[in-house]
Amino acid sequence: MFDAAALPDNAIEVRGLKKTYAASKKSPAKTALKGVDLIIPRGSMFGLLGPNGAGKSTLINILAGVVNKSEGQVSIWGRDIDRQPRDARAALGVVPQEIVADVFFTPRESLEVQAGFYGVPADERRSDELLAALGLSDKANAYVRALSGGMKRRLMVAKALVHNPPILILDEPTAGVDVELRRQLWEYVRRINAEGVTIVLTTHYLEEAQELCDTIAIVNRGEVVACEPTTQLLRRLDTRNVVVTPEGELDRLPTLDGFEAVARPNGAFVVTYRKGQASVEQVLAAVRAAGVTIADITTEDPDLEDVFLALTYGDDTKPAPTSD
């Protein structure tokens, strides 16, 4: 279905996408997306992040054809979702947040039925290959109801791939999955990404996104507030933390000239400074001037969580009350 000789530059292109949910008896009209522009390059491992209610699920559901957009244009693998809806949807494999499985089927039967929905000929189906790749071969003939939650999630990944789509969307795929199953899943996702499958990932585990994704978009209140290569995004904050462990226990946090000390566990405290305006040596000088004897120091550069909080919440501590 997807000609390798005519690969698009971008896996997904979204322009001016808006979605407003109509008012009902129980709630007023809500705008979930406010003119989203988003380009997802072919072959990328793309992170789509945002707080609860930011609009991520609405965006994914529009891509998957589950929700109708209000305005804008969406192209999936070069297919416009208005003019070629079936081809556009066929280019996607979607793994939703909720575990959806027919508990009276076996994993092999589930994959065979799913492949039939997509019109995959019997001799081209790869049910056993997918089960093996996702560590489910020994459960191929067990009822789905007997699988653990982590196994059911891996089965959902397999179901999303039965028609060999060039784009895989993973919506919170490791929620409730233990560490070992998470590691196995990411090994497989990395492998198919290396083989050319574009991965779109939403997750609340920001350390996963930072480690896995080459590009990250952050959505807040229905708008894209950042979309950059991960390394570039991490450079947005020009701050650095100096973690100071004092010699002996302090009665109270020191008052520093030009800086603020914030308590850390085990008697340590952290001082944050802007790299363009101060230096580690100036921080240490202020600490010494406050009468603190330093036993040890470490420095920390911003991580994705710092950037995420700065771009979404700012000084607020609560997410915006919008529909997702």
C-alpha atoms as a PDB file:
ATOM      1  CA  MET A   1       0.000   0.000   0.000  1.00  0.00           C
ATOM      2  CA  PHE A   2       2.876   2.340   0.812  1.00  0.00           C
ATOM      3  CA  ASP A   3       5.365   2.706  -2.045  1.00  0.00           C
ATOM      4  CA  ALA A   4       8.944   2.857  -0.731  1.00  0.00           C
ATOM      5  CA  ALA A   5       9.953   4.778  -3.843  1.00  0.00           C
ATOM      6  CA  ALA A   6       7.561   7.625  -3.003  1.00  0.00           C
ATOM      7  CA  LEU A   7       8.314   8.264   0.658  1.00  0.00           C
ATOM      8  CA  PRO A   8       7.101  11.624   1.999  1.00  0.00           C
ATOM      9  CA  ASP A   9       9.548  13.940   3.759  1.00  0.00           C
ATOM     10  CA  ASN A  10       7.221  14.163   6.736  1.00  0.00           C
ATOM     11  CA  ALA A  11       5.214  11.390   8.332  1.00  0.00           C
ATOM     12  CA  ILE A  12       2.555  13.786   9.643  1.00  0.00           C
ATOM     13  CA  GLU A  13       1.793  17.417   8.806  1.00  0.00           C
ATOM     14  CA  VAL A  14      -0.745  19.399  10.841  1.00  0.00           C
ATOM     15  CA  ARG A  15      -1.640  22.984   9.929  1.00  0.00           C
ATOM     16  CA  GLY A  16      -4.068  25.312  11.683  1.00  0.00           C
ATOM     17  CA  LEU A  17      -5.803  22.427  13.447  1.00  0.00           C
ATOM     18  CA  LYS A  18      -8.699  23.471  15.673  1.00  0.00           C
ATOM     19  CA  LYS A  19     -11.215  21.471  17.643  1.00  0.00           C
ATOM     20  CA  THR A  20     -14.131  22.893  19.603  1.00  0.00           C
ATOM     21  CA  TYR A  21     -16.505  20.609  21.456  1.00  0.00           C
ATOM     22  CA  ALA A  22     -20.081  21.859  21.302  1.00  0.00           C
ATOM     23  CA  ALA A  23     -21.935  22.916  24.425  1.00  0.00           C
ATOM     24  CA  SER A  24     -24.181  20.388  26.105  1.00  0.00           C
ATOM     25  CA  LYS A  25     -26.668  20.482  28.953  1.00  0.00           C
ATOM     26  CA  LYS A  26     -23.887  19.576  31.375  1.00  0.00           C
ATOM     27  CA  SER A  27     -21.001  21.695  30.085  1.00  0.00           C
ATOM     28  CA  PRO A  28     -20.289  24.788  27.968  1.00  0.00           C
ATOM     29  CA  ALA A  29     -18.468  24.699  24.647  1.00  0.00           C
ATOM     30  CA  LYS A  30     -14.762  23.872  25.036  1.00  0.00           C
ATOM     31  CA  THR A  31     -11.877  24.551  22.673  1.00  0.00           C
ATOM     32  CA  ALA A  32      -9.373  21.691  22.901  1.00  0.00           C
ATOM     33  CA  LEU A  33      -7.063  22.725  20.022  1.00  0.00           C
ATOM     34  CA  LYS A  34      -6.412  26.339  19.043  1.00  0.00           C
ATOM     35  CA  GLY A  35      -4.739  26.293  15.644  1.00  0.00           C
ATOM     36  CA  VAL A  36      -2.050  23.638  16.085  1.00  0.00           C
ATOM     37  CA  ASP A  37       0.825  23.520  13.568  1.00  0.00           C
ATOM     38  CA  LEU A  38       2.999  20.428  13.802  1.00  0.00           C
ATOM     39  CA  ILE A  39       5.480  18.665  11.538  1.00  0.00           C
ATOM     40  CA  ILE A  40       6.611  15.127  12.410  1.00  0.00           C
ATOM     41  CA  PRO A  41       9.575  14.086  10.225  1.00  0.00           C
ATOM     42  CA  ARG A  42       9.597  10.657   8.617  1.00  0.00           C
ATOM     43  CA  GLY A  43      11.650   8.162  10.610  1.00  0.00           C
ATOM     44  CA  SER A  44      11.772  10.236  13.787  1.00  0.00           C
ATOM     45  CA  MET A  45      11.155   9.195  17.370  1.00  0.00           C
ATOM     46  CA  PHE A  46       8.814  12.045  18.202  1.00  0.00           C
ATOM     47  CA  GLY A  47       7.619  12.932  21.699  1.00  0.00           C
ATOM     48  CA  LEU A  48       4.258  14.656  22.174  1.00  0.00           C
ATOM     49  CA  LEU A  49       4.103  15.949  25.739  1.00  0.00           C
ATOM     50  CA  GLY A  50       1.775  18.110  27.773  1.00  0.00           C
ATOM     51  CA  PRO A  51      -0.126  18.233  31.057  1.00  0.00           C
ATOM     52  CA  ASN A  52      -3.495  16.565  31.490  1.00  0.00           C
ATOM     53  CA  GLY A  53      -6.101  18.475  29.517  1.00  0.00           C
ATOM     54  CA  ALA A  54      -3.569  20.004  27.133  1.00  0.00           C
ATOM     55  CA  GLY A  55      -5.146  18.555  23.967  1.00  0.00           C
ATOM     56  CA  LYS A  56      -2.845  15.592  23.238  1.00  0.00           C
ATOM     57  CA  SER A  57      -5.590  12.971  23.187  1.00  0.00           C
ATOM     58  CA  THR A  58      -7.814  15.141  21.010  1.00  0.00           C
ATOM     59  CA  LEU A  59      -4.960  15.537  18.517  1.00  0.00           C
ATOM     60  CA  ILE A  60      -4.269  11.789  18.448  1.00  0.00           C
ATOM     61  CA  ASN A  61      -7.960  10.981  18.058  1.00  0.00           C
ATOM     62  CA  ILE A  62      -8.207  13.340  15.088  1.00  0.00           C
ATOM     63  CA  LEU A  63      -5.191  11.651  13.490  1.00  0.00           C
ATOM     64  CA  ALA A  64      -6.775   8.258  14.083  1.00  0.00           C
ATOM     65  CA  GLY A  65     -10.110   9.328  12.601  1.00  0.00           C
ATOM     66  CA  VAL A  66     -11.990   8.941  15.890  1.00  0.00           C
ATOM     67  CA  VAL A  67     -12.714  12.674  16.345  1.00  0.00           C
ATOM     68  CA  ASN A  68     -13.675  15.142  13.606  1.00  0.00           C
ATOM     69  CA  LYS A  69     -11.648  18.351  13.458  1.00  0.00           C
ATOM     70  CA  SER A  70     -13.322  21.762  13.446  1.00  0.00           C
ATOM     71  CA  GLU A  71     -10.789  23.492  11.181  1.00  0.00           C
ATOM     72  CA  GLY A  72      -7.369  22.964   9.647  1.00  0.00           C
ATOM     73  CA  GLN A  73      -5.521  20.468   7.481  1.00  0.00           C
ATOM     74  CA  VAL A  74      -3.952  17.129   8.404  1.00  0.00           C
ATOM     75  CA  SER A  75      -1.789  14.960   6.168  1.00  0.00           C
ATOM     76  CA  ILE A  76      -0.654  11.476   7.215  1.00  0.00           C
ATOM     77  CA  TRP A  77       2.058   9.854   5.089  1.00  0.00           C
ATOM     78  CA  GLY A  78       1.162  12.265   2.310  1.00  0.00           C
ATOM     79  CA  ARG A  79      -2.568  11.475   2.477  1.00  0.00           C
ATOM     80  CA  ASP A  80      -5.010  14.248   3.371  1.00  0.00           C
ATOM     81  CA  ILE A  81      -7.435  12.954   5.997  1.00  0.00           C
ATOM     82  CA  ASP A  82     -10.365  14.680   4.271  1.00  0.00           C
ATOM     83  CA  ARG A  83      -9.652  13.504   0.718  1.00  0.00           C
ATOM     84  CA  GLN A  84      -8.096  10.094   1.478  1.00  0.00           C
ATOM     85  CA  PRO A  85      -9.367   9.131   4.931  1.00  0.00           C
ATOM     86  CA  ARG A  86      -8.981   5.358   4.557  1.00  0.00           C
ATOM     87  CA  ASP A  87      -5.436   5.551   3.216  1.00  0.00           C
ATOM     88  CA  ALA A  88      -4.486   8.060   5.904  1.00  0.00           C
ATOM     89  CA  ARG A  89      -5.791   5.834   8.683  1.00  0.00           C
ATOM     90  CA  ALA A  90      -4.127   2.771   7.165  1.00  0.00           C
ATOM     91  CA  ALA A  91      -0.751   4.507   7.518  1.00  0.00           C
ATOM     92  CA  LEU A  92      -1.189   4.556  11.300  1.00  0.00           C
ATOM     93  CA  GLY A  93      -0.938   1.985  14.019  1.00  0.00           C
ATOM     94  CA  VAL A  94      -2.372   3.395  17.251  1.00  0.00           C
ATOM     95  CA  VAL A  95      -1.839   1.993  20.741  1.00  0.00           C
ATOM     96  CA  PRO A  96      -4.361   3.817  22.993  1.00  0.00           C
ATOM     97  CA  GLN A  97      -4.002   4.497  26.706  1.00  0.00           C
ATOM     98  CA  GLU A  98      -6.817   2.145  27.662  1.00  0.00           C
ATOM     99  CA  ILE A  99      -6.277  -1.594  27.391  1.00  0.00           C
ATOM    100  CA  VAL A 100      -8.708  -2.822  24.748  1.00  0.00           C
ATOM    101  CA  ALA A 101      -8.736  -6.573  24.191  1.00  0.00           C
ATOM    102  CA  ASP A 102     -11.277  -9.307  23.532  1.00  0.00           C
ATOM    103  CA  VAL A 103     -10.692 -11.521  26.548  1.00  0.00           C
ATOM    104  CA  PHE A 104     -12.254 -14.570  24.879  1.00  0.00           C
ATOM    105  CA  PHE A 105      -9.673 -14.641  22.058  1.00  0.00           C
ATOM    106  CA  THR A 106      -6.129 -15.908  22.238  1.00  0.00           C
ATOM    107  CA  PRO A 107      -3.330 -13.464  21.320  1.00  0.00           C
ATOM    108  CA  ARG A 108      -2.835 -15.236  17.970  1.00  0.00           C
ATOM    109  CA  GLU A 109      -6.560 -15.060  17.207  1.00  0.00           C
ATOM    110  CA  SER A 110      -6.605 -11.370  18.174  1.00  0.00           C
ATOM    111  CA  LEU A 111      -3.853 -10.606  15.672  1.00  0.00           C
ATOM    112  CA  GLU A 112      -5.465 -12.674  12.937  1.00  0.00           C
ATOM    113  CA  VAL A 113      -8.800 -10.886  13.391  1.00  0.00           C
ATOM    114  CA  GLN A 114      -7.097  -7.485  13.432  1.00  0.00           C
ATOM    115  CA  ALA A 115      -5.186  -8.326  10.251  1.00  0.00           C
ATOM    116  CA  GLY A 116      -8.479  -9.329   8.648  1.00  0.00           C
ATOM    117  CA  PHE A 117      -9.966  -5.930   9.489  1.00  0.00           C
ATOM    118  CA  TYR A 118      -7.163  -4.322   7.481  1.00  0.00           C
ATOM    119  CA  GLY A 119      -7.535  -6.742   4.577  1.00  0.00           C
ATOM    120  CA  VAL A 120      -4.115  -8.349   5.020  1.00  0.00           C
ATOM    121  CA  PRO A 121      -4.059 -11.578   2.950  1.00  0.00           C
ATOM    122  CA  ALA A 122      -3.619 -14.767   4.978  1.00  0.00           C
ATOM    123  CA  ASP A 123      -0.227 -15.544   3.410  1.00  0.00           C
ATOM    124  CA  GLU A 124       1.091 -12.071   4.300  1.00  0.00           C
ATOM    125  CA  ARG A 125       0.103 -12.049   7.941  1.00  0.00           C
ATOM    126  CA  ARG A 126       2.879 -12.100  10.532  1.00  0.00           C
ATOM    127  CA  SER A 127       1.081 -12.921  13.747  1.00  0.00           C
ATOM    128  CA  ASP A 128       3.710 -15.332  15.058  1.00  0.00           C
ATOM    129  CA  GLU A 129       6.519 -12.944  14.125  1.00  0.00           C
ATOM    130  CA  LEU A 130       4.913 -10.120  16.110  1.00  0.00           C
ATOM    131  CA  LEU A 131       4.157 -12.358  19.083  1.00  0.00           C
ATOM    132  CA  ALA A 132       7.794 -13.474  19.162  1.00  0.00           C
ATOM    133  CA  ALA A 133       9.115  -9.935  18.796  1.00  0.00           C
ATOM    134  CA  LEU A 134       7.046  -8.773  21.774  1.00  0.00           C
ATOM    135  CA  GLY A 135       7.795 -11.760  23.993  1.00  0.00           C
ATOM    136  CA  LEU A 136       4.358 -13.354  23.750  1.00  0.00           C
ATOM    137  CA  SER A 137       5.101 -16.588  21.884  1.00  0.00           C
ATOM    138  CA  ASP A 138       4.533 -18.737  24.972  1.00  0.00           C
ATOM    139  CA  LYS A 139       1.122 -17.089  25.451  1.00  0.00           C
ATOM    140  CA  ALA A 140       0.019 -17.338  21.815  1.00  0.00           C
ATOM    141  CA  ASN A 141      -2.746 -19.827  22.568  1.00  0.00           C
ATOM    142  CA  ALA A 142      -3.726 -18.662  26.055  1.00  0.00           C
ATOM    143  CA  TYR A 143      -6.866 -16.627  26.514  1.00  0.00           C
ATOM    144  CA  VAL A 144      -6.223 -12.882  26.626  1.00  0.00           C
ATOM    145  CA  ARG A 145      -8.029 -12.717  29.968  1.00  0.00           C
ATOM    146  CA  ALA A 146      -5.178 -14.764  31.466  1.00  0.00           C
ATOM    147  CA  LEU A 147      -2.507 -12.230  30.452  1.00  0.00           C
ATOM    148  CA  SER A 148      -1.014  -9.718  32.866  1.00  0.00           C
ATOM    149  CA  GLY A 149      -1.566  -6.002  32.287  1.00  0.00           C
ATOM    150  CA  GLY A 150       1.912  -5.600  30.818  1.00  0.00           C
ATOM    151  CA  MET A 151       1.374  -8.503  28.418  1.00  0.00           C
ATOM    152  CA  LYS A 152      -1.935  -7.038  27.289  1.00  0.00           C
ATOM    153  CA  ARG A 153      -0.176  -3.750  26.522  1.00  0.00           C
ATOM    154  CA  ARG A 154       2.415  -5.561  24.425  1.00  0.00           C
ATOM    155  CA  LEU A 155      -0.400  -7.388  22.632  1.00  0.00           C
ATOM    156  CA  MET A 156      -1.936  -4.003  21.811  1.00  0.00           C
ATOM    157  CA  VAL A 157       1.377  -2.932  20.252  1.00  0.00           C
ATOM    158  CA  ALA A 158       1.354  -6.104  18.152  1.00  0.00           C
ATOM    159  CA  LYS A 159      -2.245  -5.448  17.060  1.00  0.00           C
ATOM    160  CA  ALA A 160      -1.289  -1.932  15.967  1.00  0.00           C
ATOM    161  CA  LEU A 161       1.429  -3.366  13.719  1.00  0.00           C
ATOM    162  CA  VAL A 162      -0.440  -6.190  11.946  1.00  0.00           C
ATOM    163  CA  HIS A 163      -0.853  -4.150   8.753  1.00  0.00           C
ATOM    164  CA  ASN A 164       2.789  -2.987   8.752  1.00  0.00           C
ATOM    165  CA  PRO A 165       2.025   0.745   9.118  1.00  0.00           C
ATOM    166  CA  PRO A 166       4.839   3.271   8.572  1.00  0.00           C
ATOM    167  CA  ILE A 167       3.743   5.284  11.655  1.00  0.00           C
ATOM    168  CA  LEU A 168       3.145   3.964  15.164  1.00  0.00           C
ATOM    169  CA  ILE A 169       1.458   6.139  17.801  1.00  0.00           C
ATOM    170  CA  LEU A 170       2.046   5.071  21.395  1.00  0.00           C
ATOM    171  CA  ASP A 171      -0.278   6.848  23.833  1.00  0.00           C
ATOM    172  CA  GLU A 172       1.079   6.322  27.373  1.00  0.00           C
ATOM    173  CA  PRO A 173       2.284   2.796  26.485  1.00  0.00           C
ATOM    174  CA  THR A 174       4.140   2.081  29.739  1.00  0.00           C
ATOM    175  CA  ALA A 175       1.517   3.243  32.227  1.00  0.00           C
ATOM    176  CA  GLY A 176       1.340   0.553  34.899  1.00  0.00           C
ATOM    177  CA  VAL A 177       4.039  -1.570  33.250  1.00  0.00           C
ATOM    178  CA  ASP A 178       6.878  -2.894  35.403  1.00  0.00           C
ATOM    179  CA  VAL A 179      10.502  -1.970  34.769  1.00  0.00           C
ATOM    180  CA  GLU A 180      11.496  -5.149  32.912  1.00  0.00           C
ATOM    181  CA  LEU A 181       8.494  -5.124  30.584  1.00  0.00           C
ATOM    182  CA  ARG A 182       9.120  -1.434  29.926  1.00  0.00           C
ATOM    183  CA  ARG A 183      12.709  -2.169  28.966  1.00  0.00           C
ATOM    184  CA  GLN A 184      11.615  -4.950  26.581  1.00  0.00           C
ATOM    185  CA  LEU A 185       9.020  -2.698  24.961  1.00  0.00           C
ATOM    186  CA  TRP A 186      11.497   0.127  24.377  1.00  0.00           C
ATOM    187  CA  GLU A 187      14.044  -2.289  22.909  1.00  0.00           C
ATOM    188  CA  TYR A 188      11.468  -3.356  20.335  1.00  0.00           C
ATOM    189  CA  VAL A 189      10.313   0.202  19.624  1.00  0.00           C
ATOM    190  CA  ARG A 190      13.914   1.321  19.076  1.00  0.00           C
ATOM    191  CA  ARG A 191      14.422  -1.583  16.687  1.00  0.00           C
ATOM    192  CA  ILE A 192      11.424  -0.853  14.475  1.00  0.00           C
ATOM    193  CA  ASN A 193      12.313   2.850  14.521  1.00  0.00           C
ATOM    194  CA  ALA A 194      15.785   1.946  13.255  1.00  0.00           C
ATOM    195  CA  GLU A 195      14.049  -0.025  10.489  1.00  0.00           C
ATOM    196  CA  GLY A 196      12.209   3.144   9.395  1.00  0.00           C
ATOM    197  CA  VAL A 197       8.958   3.212  11.380  1.00  0.00           C
ATOM    198  CA  THR A 198       8.089   6.698  12.635  1.00  0.00           C
ATOM    199  CA  ILE A 199       7.228   6.637  16.339  1.00  0.00           C
ATOM    200  CA  VAL A 200       4.960   9.195  18.011  1.00  0.00           C
ATOM    201  CA  LEU A 201       5.063   8.861  21.787  1.00  0.00           C
ATOM    202  CA  THR A 202       3.028  10.469  24.540  1.00  0.00           C
ATOM    203  CA  THR A 203       4.157   9.779  28.085  1.00  0.00           C
ATOM    204  CA  HIS A 204       4.156  11.246  31.564  1.00  0.00           C
ATOM    205  CA  TYR A 205       7.542   9.620  32.200  1.00  0.00           C
ATOM    206  CA  LEU A 206       9.600  12.603  31.069  1.00  0.00           C
ATOM    207  CA  GLU A 207      12.900  10.788  31.563  1.00  0.00           C
ATOM    208  CA  GLU A 208      11.704   8.250  28.963  1.00  0.00           C
ATOM    209  CA  ALA A 209      10.941  10.989  26.463  1.00  0.00           C
ATOM    210  CA  GLN A 210      14.296  12.650  27.077  1.00  0.00           C
ATOM    211  CA  GLU A 211      16.157   9.380  26.540  1.00  0.00           C
ATOM    212  CA  LEU A 212      14.157   8.042  23.587  1.00  0.00           C
ATOM    213  CA  CYS A 213      12.948  10.967  21.489  1.00  0.00           C
ATOM    214  CA  ASP A 214      15.043  12.890  18.970  1.00  0.00           C
ATOM    215  CA  THR A 215      12.364  15.602  18.677  1.00  0.00           C
ATOM    216  CA  ILE A 216       9.807  16.775  21.248  1.00  0.00           C
ATOM    217  CA  ALA A 217       6.700  18.935  20.995  1.00  0.00           C
ATOM    218  CA  ILE A 218       5.071  20.324  24.127  1.00  0.00           C
ATOM    219  CA  VAL A 219       1.346  21.121  23.999  1.00  0.00           C
ATOM    220  CA  ASN A 220      -0.298  23.366  26.574  1.00  0.00           C
ATOM    221  CA  ARG A 221      -3.876  24.654  26.638  1.00  0.00           C
ATOM    222  CA  GLY A 222      -4.500  23.524  23.086  1.00  0.00           C
ATOM    223  CA  GLU A 223      -1.389  25.137  21.594  1.00  0.00           C
ATOM    224  CA  VAL A 224       2.102  23.942  20.697  1.00  0.00           C
ATOM    225  CA  VAL A 225       4.427  25.928  22.953  1.00  0.00           C
ATOM    226  CA  ALA A 226       7.626  24.215  21.768  1.00  0.00           C
ATOM    227  CA  CYS A 227       8.679  21.809  18.998  1.00  0.00           C
ATOM    228  CA  GLU A 228      12.418  21.264  18.721  1.00  0.00           C
ATOM    229  CA  PRO A 229      15.144  18.633  18.690  1.00  0.00           C
ATOM    230  CA  THR A 230      15.508  17.324  22.235  1.00  0.00           C
ATOM    231  CA  THR A 231      19.044  18.644  22.696  1.00  0.00           C
ATOM    232  CA  GLN A 232      17.971  22.110  21.567  1.00  0.00           C
ATOM    233  CA  LEU A 233      14.920  22.054  23.825  1.00  0.00           C
ATOM    234  CA  LEU A 234      17.078  21.259  26.843  1.00  0.00           C
ATOM    235  CA  ARG A 235      19.162  24.360  26.143  1.00  0.00           C
ATOM    236  CA  ARG A 236      16.118  26.619  26.514  1.00  0.00           C
ATOM    237  CA  LEU A 237      16.774  27.098  30.204  1.00  0.00           C
ATOM    238  CA  ASP A 238      20.040  28.935  30.811  1.00  0.00           C
ATOM    239  CA  THR A 239      20.108  27.890  34.455  1.00  0.00           C
ATOM    240  CA  ARG A 240      22.281  25.550  36.475  1.00  0.00           C
ATOM    241  CA  ASN A 241      21.889  24.144  39.971  1.00  0.00           C
ATOM    242  CA  VAL A 242      24.688  23.996  42.514  1.00  0.00           C
ATOM    243  CA  VAL A 243      23.967  21.395  45.209  1.00  0.00           C
ATOM    244  CA  VAL A 244      25.905  22.153  48.389  1.00  0.00           C
ATOM    245  CA  THR A 245      26.477  19.650  51.194  1.00  0.00           C
ATOM    246  CA  PRO A 246      27.622  21.584  54.262  1.00  0.00           C
ATOM    247  CA  GLU A 247      30.130  20.375  56.832  1.00  0.00           C
ATOM    248  CA  GLY A 248      27.897  19.492  59.756  1.00  0.00           C
ATOM    249  CA  GLU A 249      24.184  20.145  60.191  1.00  0.00           C
ATOM    250  CA  LEU A 250      22.837  23.679  59.706  1.00  0.00           C
ATOM    251  CA  ASP A 251      20.240  25.151  62.059  1.00  0.00           C
ATOM    252  CA  ARG A 252      18.616  26.969  59.137  1.00  0.00           C
ATOM    253  CA  LEU A 253      19.159  27.683  55.448  1.00  0.00           C
ATOM    254  CA  PRO A 254      21.819  30.330  54.859  1.00  0.00           C
ATOM    255  CA  THR A 255      20.886  33.794  53.603  1.00  0.00           C
ATOM    256  CA  LEU A 256      22.955  34.361  50.473  1.00  0.00           C
ATOM    257  CA  ASP A 257      23.826  37.658  48.833  1.00  0.00           C
ATOM    258  CA  GLY A 258      22.271  37.612  45.348  1.00  0.00           C
ATOM    259  CA  PHE A 259      21.073  33.978  45.472  1.00  0.00           C
ATOM    260  CA  GLU A 260      18.457  31.829  47.159  1.00  0.00           C
ATOM    261  CA  ALA A 261      19.072  28.525  48.936  1.00  0.00           C
ATOM    262  CA  VAL A 262      16.444  25.776  48.748  1.00  0.00           C
ATOM    263  CA  ALA A 263      16.554  22.743  51.045  1.00  0.00           C
ATOM    264  CA  ARG A 264      17.410  19.304  49.738  1.00  0.00           C
ATOM    265  CA  PRO A 265      17.294  15.950  51.615  1.00  0.00           C
ATOM    266  CA  ASN A 266      20.109  14.911  53.968  1.00  0.00           C
ATOM    267  CA  GLY A 267      20.971  18.445  54.991  1.00  0.00           C
ATOM    268  CA  ALA A 268      22.047  19.658  51.539  1.00  0.00           C
ATOM    269  CA  PHE A 269      20.689  22.744  49.783  1.00  0.00           C
ATOM    270  CA  VAL A 270      20.558  23.877  46.174  1.00  0.00           C
ATOM    271  CA  VAL A 271      21.308  27.261  44.642  1.00  0.00           C
ATOM    272  CA  THR A 272      20.088  28.025  41.107  1.00  0.00           C
ATOM    273  CA  TYR A 273      21.791  30.648  38.952  1.00  0.00           C
ATOM    274  CA  ARG A 274      21.577  31.886  35.362  1.00  0.00           C
ATOM    275  CA  LYS A 275      24.675  30.937  33.418  1.00  0.00           C
ATOM    276  CA  GLY A 276      24.809  34.251  31.571  1.00  0.00           C
ATOM    277  CA  GLN A 277      24.624  36.284  34.776  1.00  0.00           C
ATOM    278  CA  ALA A 278      26.667  34.392  37.371  1.00  0.00           C
ATOM    279  CA  SER A 279      29.067  31.500  37.845  1.00  0.00           C
ATOM    280  CA  VAL A 280      29.672  28.563  40.158  1.00  0.00           C
ATOM    281  CA  GLU A 281      32.501  30.451  41.808  1.00  0.00           C
ATOM    282  CA  GLN A 282      30.204  33.384  42.626  1.00  0.00           C
ATOM    283  CA  VAL A 283      27.683  30.984  44.166  1.00  0.00           C
ATOM    284  CA  LEU A 284      30.389  29.341  46.278  1.00  0.00           C
ATOM    285  CA  ALA A 285      31.721  32.713  47.351  1.00  0.00           C
ATOM    286  CA  ALA A 286      28.234  33.703  48.545  1.00  0.00           C
ATOM    287  CA  VAL A 287      27.904  30.402  50.424  1.00  0.00           C
ATOM    288  CA  ARG A 288      31.259  30.886  52.162  1.00  0.00           C
ATOM    289  CA  ALA A 289      30.411  34.519  52.967  1.00  0.00           C
ATOM    290  CA  ALA A 290      27.287  33.259  54.752  1.00  0.00           C
ATOM    291  CA  GLY A 291      29.544  31.269  57.082  1.00  0.00           C
ATOM    292  CA  VAL A 292      28.919  27.822  55.580  1.00  0.00           C
ATOM    293  CA  THR A 293      31.788  25.338  55.459  1.00  0.00           C
ATOM    294  CA  ILE A 294      31.402  23.252  52.285  1.00  0.00           C
ATOM    295  CA  ALA A 295      31.901  19.477  52.483  1.00  0.00           C
ATOM    296  CA  ASP A 296      30.892  18.702  48.884  1.00  0.00           C
ATOM    297  CA  ILE A 297      29.298  20.269  45.799  1.00  0.00           C
ATOM    298  CA  THR A 298      27.722  18.955  42.619  1.00  0.00           C
ATOM    299  CA  THR A 299      26.188  20.766  39.649  1.00  0.00           C
ATOM    300  CA  GLU A 300      23.034  19.902  37.707  1.00  0.00           C
ATOM    301  CA  ASP A 301      21.979  21.088  34.270  1.00  0.00           C
ATOM    302  CA  PRO A 302      18.252  21.391  33.463  1.00  0.00           C
ATOM    303  CA  ASP A 303      16.463  18.219  32.388  1.00  0.00           C
ATOM    304  CA  LEU A 304      13.277  17.814  30.395  1.00  0.00           C
ATOM    305  CA  GLU A 305      11.132  18.073  33.510  1.00  0.00           C
ATOM    306  CA  ASP A 306      12.535  21.539  34.244  1.00  0.00           C
ATOM    307  CA  VAL A 307      11.839  22.693  30.691  1.00  0.00           C
ATOM    308  CA  PHE A 308       8.391  21.088  30.694  1.00  0.00           C
ATOM    309  CA  LEU A 309       7.360  22.821  33.914  1.00  0.00           C
ATOM    310  CA  ALA A 310       8.714  26.177  32.749  1.00  0.00           C
ATOM    311  CA  LEU A 311       6.800  25.991  29.453  1.00  0.00           C
ATOM    312  CA  THR A 312       3.519  24.616  30.764  1.00  0.00           C
ATOM    313  CA  TYR A 313       2.982  25.747  34.321  1.00  0.00           C
ATOM    314  CA  GLY A 314       5.391  28.648  34.750  1.00  0.00           C
ATOM    315  CA  ASP A 315       4.728  29.975  38.243  1.00  0.00           C
ATOM    316  CA  ASP A 316       1.457  28.063  38.490  1.00  0.00           C
ATOM    317  CA  THR A 317       1.153  24.748  40.262  1.00  0.00           C
ATOM    318  CA  LYS A 318      -2.037  23.558  38.600  1.00  0.00           C
ATOM    319  CA  PRO A 319      -2.717  22.682  34.949  1.00  0.00           C
ATOM    320  CA  ALA A 320      -5.195  24.699  32.928  1.00  0.00           C
ATOM    321  CA  PRO A 321      -8.822  23.454  33.086  1.00  0.00           C
ATOM    322  CA  THR A 322      -9.301  22.601  29.397  1.00  0.00           C
ATOM    323  CA  SER A 323     -10.620  19.509  27.659  1.00  0.00           C
ATOM    324  CA  ASP A 324      -8.206  16.904  26.371  1.00  0.00           C
END
